[in-house]
Every structure is written in C-alpha cells, then in structure tokens.
Amino acid sequence: MADSFGPMRDGDADGVVGMGPDAGSSRDEPIRVLVVDDHALFRRGLEIVLAAEEDIQVVGEAGDGAEAVDKAADLLPDIVLMDVRMPKRGGIEACTSIKEVAPSAKIIMLTISDEEADLYDAIKAGATGYLLKEISTDEVATAIRAVADGQSQISPSMASKLLTEFKSMIQRTDERRLVPAPRLTDRELEVLKLVATGMNNRDIAKELFISENTVKNHVRNILEKLQLHSRMEAVVYAMREKILEIR
C-alpha cells in the first residue's frame, strides 16, 4: 500500500528528535530538494507545502528509486526527500547509489514504515534522517533545514526504538571485536553518551559547561576516529562495540 501523510498537523511541537548542529544558519542560496515518492498526489502536496518556504526550492521529483538515482545525478540536490517502499526500486536500496552519483546530497526518508529494520537499513545505507509521515507540514521544512545544516533528524518513536535496539546489541554482542575500537578521550565519551540520548550540540554544551563550537569539534573528532559519516552511525557503532552503555 502506498504511503500517505496521514493527519498533517501544522505547528506540532517536538515532533522530531535532532542530532547535530542547530538549524537556522544563513544561506545565500535556497536548499535544493528532490522529492521522491510513488504517489504523484503526495509529491504534489509536498511541492505545495515547500513552495511556501523562501529558503527551500523543489528542483525535481521522481516516482521510484531508480528514477531518483538518475534525477540526483542530473540535478545534484542538497536534500533528497524519499519514501522507503516504492515500485521498481525502493528508497533504501536507492540510497547507496544516490550517494555515489551525488555525494554531497543528504537523504531524508519520509515514510509510514515504523519498522526497526527499515530504520537501521536506511542509516546503514547513508540516510541522515528518518521521519514518519505523521509529522506536521511545518516539521517537514524544519527537518530539511536541519539536515542541510548538518543535523540528523529522526521521529521520536523511531529514536526510542533505536535506543531499545542499542541495549539489545550489548546483550547480544559478548566481548567479540574483530578490530580494537579506536580510543576516545573521556570527554569524547561524555559527548557521545549525550549524543546517544538525542541531545543537540547546544544542549550538550549546556550540560557539560563548554562552548557549542567545542562540542562540534568533539563530534567531528569522534566521527574521524571511528571512520563514520553521521552521529547516528557513531552511536550504533559505539553501542555495538561496547564503547558506551545506555541504561
């Protein structure tokens, strides 16, 4: 069954958990968005919603993952807003190919699928956001801005499932390690633990009594040491390798 927005609610608060720098940095050019969904009516609805945002421009649309890869290669969008389950080629399968043809594009999955497996596969494939279609119209634009500014976005119910899965990982993983985990400093471990709870850089800075720029530097160092690309990947890795625990 094709996805649909469900009850779109303008102005809902706290509908998305953010991981990363706060959105809102000034831009000279609008954020270029490629909309991918197998329902033409849904795509049109998104275009109408986003057309009202001065700093966001829908530059193209696609009806399946295969077409999305071709459009991404031609248009080189900043953001790909894509459904998970589509005919011909699904969104998760298309993620890897999109990252190859448009490396700078950031991918947000927008779907009705609240399956943990889809969430994990999307993150593994390179998605920076995973949003359920129950979010409000305002939150779609906010999420696009946040991801464009380097923040990961995830619907709260899915974030909760991630944390639950992290705990299960610890129980399943014994003491096995194929390679020794890179050593993080005590401060980096503190930052990573707070990232794992869904806190953004501003809140982490307040919690640790350090500057927001210092937090950004710590996050950058963590990703470099772990050779990962996103904050969510870092948390998954840390939990799997028993670098940290969430109780």
Foldseek 3Di string as FASTA:
>chain_A
DFFDLPDADPPDPPFKQKFEAAFDDDDPAAQEEEEEAQDPVRSVVLQVLCVVPPRHHHPYYYNALVVVLVCCLVPLGQEYEYEADGPPHGDLRSLLSSCVSRVNHAYAYEYQDLDLVSVVSSVVSHHQEYHYSPYHSVVVVSCSRSVSVPMRIYGPVSLVVLLVVLQVLLVPQPQDDPDDQQDADPVLLLLLVVSSVRDYLVVSCVVVVHDSVVSNVSQVVLCVSRVHDHSSVSNSVCSNNVVDHDD
